[in-house]
Protein backbone atom coordinates (compact mmCIF):
# COMPACT_ATOMS: atom_id res chain seq x y z
CA MET A 1 130.24 111.53 86.58
CA PRO A 2 127.06 109.45 86.16
CA THR A 3 124.29 110.83 83.97
CA THR A 4 121.30 111.45 86.21
CA ASP A 5 117.71 112.42 85.56
CA PRO A 6 116.46 115.44 87.56
CA ARG A 7 113.04 113.78 87.80
CA ILE A 8 114.61 111.08 89.95
CA ASP A 9 116.23 113.73 92.15
CA ALA A 10 112.76 115.25 92.62
CA TYR A 11 111.24 111.80 93.30
CA ILE A 12 113.77 111.07 96.04
CA GLU A 13 113.31 114.53 97.52
CA LYS A 14 109.55 113.99 97.81
CA SER A 15 109.97 110.53 99.39
CA ALA A 16 109.62 109.87 103.11
CA ASP A 17 112.76 110.47 105.22
CA PHE A 18 113.33 106.75 105.85
CA ALA A 19 113.23 106.07 102.08
CA LYS A 20 115.72 108.71 100.90
CA PRO A 21 118.91 106.91 102.01
CA VAL A 22 117.65 103.60 100.56
CA LEU A 23 116.85 105.10 97.16
CA GLU A 24 120.06 107.15 97.03
CA HIS A 25 122.15 104.11 97.97
CA PHE A 26 120.57 101.83 95.38
CA ARG A 27 120.93 104.53 92.73
CA LYS A 28 124.69 104.82 93.47
CA LEU A 29 125.10 101.03 93.29
CA VAL A 30 123.40 100.91 89.89
CA HIS A 31 125.73 103.60 88.47
CA ARG A 32 128.74 101.91 90.03
CA ALA A 33 127.89 98.50 88.57
CA CYS A 34 126.71 99.79 85.18
CA PRO A 35 128.22 103.20 84.32
CA GLU A 36 126.38 103.33 80.96
CA VAL A 37 122.96 103.08 82.64
CA VAL A 38 120.27 105.58 81.62
CA GLU A 39 117.88 106.94 84.23
CA THR A 40 114.23 107.48 83.42
CA ILE A 41 110.75 107.38 84.93
CA LYS A 42 108.41 104.48 84.14
CA TRP A 43 104.89 104.20 85.53
CA GLY A 44 105.70 107.19 87.76
CA MET A 45 108.69 105.45 89.39
CA PRO A 46 112.48 105.72 88.91
CA ALA A 47 113.80 103.18 86.41
CA PHE A 48 117.26 102.30 85.08
CA GLU A 49 117.82 101.15 81.53
CA TYR A 50 120.78 99.61 79.77
CA LYS A 51 120.00 98.16 76.34
CA GLY A 52 116.49 97.67 77.66
CA PRO A 53 114.89 97.65 81.13
CA LEU A 54 117.38 96.82 83.90
CA CYS A 55 115.94 97.62 87.31
CA GLY A 56 113.82 100.13 89.18
CA MET A 57 112.92 101.45 92.59
CA ALA A 58 109.92 102.98 94.32
CA SER A 59 108.97 104.48 97.65
CA PHE A 60 105.67 104.28 99.47
CA LYS A 61 104.37 105.62 102.79
CA ALA A 62 105.94 102.91 104.94
CA HIS A 63 108.36 100.99 102.70
CA CYS A 64 110.48 100.99 99.55
CA ALA A 65 110.79 98.49 96.74
CA VAL A 66 113.61 97.56 94.38
CA ASN A 67 112.87 95.55 91.29
CA PHE A 68 114.98 93.67 88.75
CA TRP A 69 113.15 93.27 85.44
CA LYS A 70 114.77 89.90 84.77
CA GLU A 71 114.71 88.64 88.34
CA SER A 72 113.55 85.18 87.22
CA LEU A 73 116.69 84.78 85.07
CA LEU A 74 119.12 85.94 87.76
CA GLY A 75 118.42 82.96 90.05
CA SER A 76 119.85 84.45 93.22
CA ASP A 77 119.46 83.42 96.86
CA ALA A 78 119.31 87.15 97.58
CA PHE A 79 115.69 87.19 96.41
CA PRO A 80 113.43 86.02 99.25
CA ALA A 81 111.11 83.10 98.46
CA GLU A 82 108.22 84.86 100.18
CA LYS A 83 107.67 88.59 99.87
CA THR A 84 105.46 90.88 101.93
CA ALA A 85 105.44 93.63 99.27
CA MET A 86 106.12 94.17 95.58
CA GLY A 87 109.68 94.22 94.27
CA SER A 88 112.53 91.72 94.12
CA PHE A 89 113.35 91.94 97.83
CA GLY A 90 109.90 92.60 99.28
CA ARG A 91 109.39 95.28 101.91
CA ILE A 92 112.43 97.56 102.44
CA THR A 93 112.36 100.06 105.30
CA SER A 94 116.09 100.77 105.63
CA LYS A 95 119.42 100.08 103.90
CA LYS A 96 119.81 97.07 106.22
CA ASP A 97 116.95 95.35 104.35
CA LEU A 98 118.98 95.38 101.12
CA PRO A 99 121.50 92.62 100.36
CA ALA A 100 125.19 93.45 100.82
CA ASP A 101 126.65 95.92 98.30
CA LYS A 102 128.79 93.17 96.77
CA VAL A 103 125.70 91.03 96.12
CA MET A 104 123.73 93.97 94.71
CA ILE A 105 126.56 95.00 92.37
CA ASP A 106 126.86 91.41 91.14
CA LEU A 107 123.10 91.27 90.44
CA ILE A 108 123.17 94.59 88.55
CA LYS A 109 126.17 93.45 86.47
CA ARG A 110 124.50 90.13 85.67
CA ALA A 111 121.25 91.89 84.74
CA ALA A 112 123.23 94.18 82.38
CA GLU A 113 124.96 91.12 80.91
CA LEU A 114 121.56 89.56 80.11
CA ASN A 115 120.64 92.75 78.23
CA ASP A 116 124.02 92.72 76.45
CA LYS A 117 123.24 89.22 75.19
CA GLY A 118 119.66 90.15 74.29
CA ILE A 119 118.26 87.47 76.57
CA LYS A 120 114.57 88.04 77.30
CA VAL A 121 112.24 86.66 79.94
CA ALA A 122 110.08 83.98 78.33
CA LYS A 123 106.46 85.06 78.08
CA LYS A 124 103.96 82.85 79.84
CA PRO A 125 101.68 81.09 77.37
CA PRO A 126 98.17 82.53 77.46
CA ALA A 127 95.80 80.58 79.67
CA GLU A 128 93.45 78.39 77.73
CA LYS A 129 90.01 79.87 77.53
CA SER A 130 87.62 77.38 79.02
CA GLU A 131 84.02 77.53 77.95
CA LEU A 132 81.52 78.13 80.73
CA GLN A 133 79.78 75.03 82.02
CA VAL A 134 76.17 74.93 80.83
CA PRO A 135 73.97 74.95 83.95
CA GLU A 136 71.84 71.87 84.49
CA VAL A 137 68.57 73.84 84.31
CA LEU A 138 69.49 75.11 80.84
CA THR A 139 70.61 71.65 79.67
CA LYS A 140 67.24 70.18 80.75
CA ALA A 141 65.26 73.01 79.13
CA LEU A 142 67.19 72.64 75.86
CA ALA A 143 66.58 68.87 75.86
CA LYS A 144 62.84 69.59 75.72
CA ASN A 145 63.07 72.06 72.83
CA LYS A 146 64.84 70.84 69.68
CA LYS A 147 64.78 74.18 67.84
CA ALA A 148 66.19 76.12 70.81
CA ARG A 149 68.86 73.44 71.34
CA GLU A 150 69.97 73.57 67.70
CA THR A 151 70.22 77.38 67.80
CA PHE A 152 72.23 77.24 71.04
CA GLU A 153 74.60 74.56 69.73
CA ASN A 154 75.18 76.44 66.45
CA PHE A 155 75.94 79.72 68.19
CA PRO A 156 79.63 80.71 68.60
CA PRO A 157 81.02 80.29 72.16
CA SER A 158 80.67 84.02 72.90
CA CYS A 159 76.90 83.92 72.25
CA ARG A 160 76.40 80.77 74.33
CA LYS A 161 78.40 82.41 77.12
CA GLU A 162 76.09 85.45 77.19
CA TYR A 163 73.06 83.25 77.83
CA ILE A 164 74.86 81.05 80.37
CA GLN A 165 76.10 84.05 82.38
CA TRP A 166 72.68 85.68 82.29
CA ILE A 167 71.13 82.57 83.85
CA ILE A 168 73.81 81.78 86.46
CA GLU A 169 74.07 85.40 87.59
CA ALA A 170 70.38 85.49 88.62
CA LYS A 171 70.16 86.31 92.34
CA THR A 172 66.93 84.38 93.02
CA ASP A 173 65.26 81.22 91.69
CA PRO A 174 62.22 83.10 90.30
CA THR A 175 64.55 85.46 88.40
CA ARG A 176 66.56 82.50 87.08
CA ASP A 177 63.38 80.69 85.97
CA LYS A 178 62.12 83.81 84.20
CA ARG A 179 65.45 84.25 82.40
CA LEU A 180 65.49 80.57 81.48
CA ALA A 181 62.03 80.80 79.91
CA THR A 182 63.06 83.92 77.97
CA THR A 183 66.27 82.19 76.86
CA ILE A 184 64.36 79.23 75.39
CA GLU A 185 61.87 81.57 73.72
CA TRP A 186 64.59 83.69 72.12
CA LEU A 187 66.68 80.68 71.09
CA GLU A 188 63.62 79.17 69.45
CA GLU A 189 63.37 82.37 67.42
CA GLY A 190 67.09 82.17 66.57
CA LYS A 191 67.91 85.28 68.61
CA ARG A 192 71.12 86.12 70.42
CA ARG A 193 70.99 87.26 74.03
CA ASN A 194 71.51 90.94 73.10
CA TRP A 195 69.47 90.85 69.88
CA LYS A 196 67.63 94.04 70.87
CA TYR A 197 70.88 96.02 70.61
CA GLU A 198 72.08 94.54 67.33
CA LYS A 199 71.98 96.74 64.25
CA CYS A 200 69.52 95.57 61.62
């Protein structure tokens, strides 16, 4: 007998009538393909673990979703290229929207095998932080004031960014011009944008 979590029973019971057979069917396939699987709840949704995250399922008002944690490593034609909803197979409204049992069992077994081998999904490298472009009006104003320019150039990127955002976020030209004048004045005095709130 598979080990089940009563919280998942309750989750299925509360799901819409169209979703119940989908969730129950997928749950049976997971236990059939990986008898050692452990049921749990993650982020409020049913999840299946075997030496780490394996797969999960969810139901919504008008559709269900089934998700393989290592979908990108499974490389299967069963996963649609374009999806109209979250999950590995997109929008599921009935058992017919799921791949054939044989395909699903194979995917579950392969996902378990990846966990057996300790293979992890490679993390995407963090996107390079690009510094905000200095607006032309600020560049021109700084060119006319050596002291303000030196302060601005010696500030760390975070301080320069505060001034740049303050100027470019102005809704009108008069507001922008007023902020620009204040920026030059404060930079000339060696002040950061939020100097008023800094502890002495």
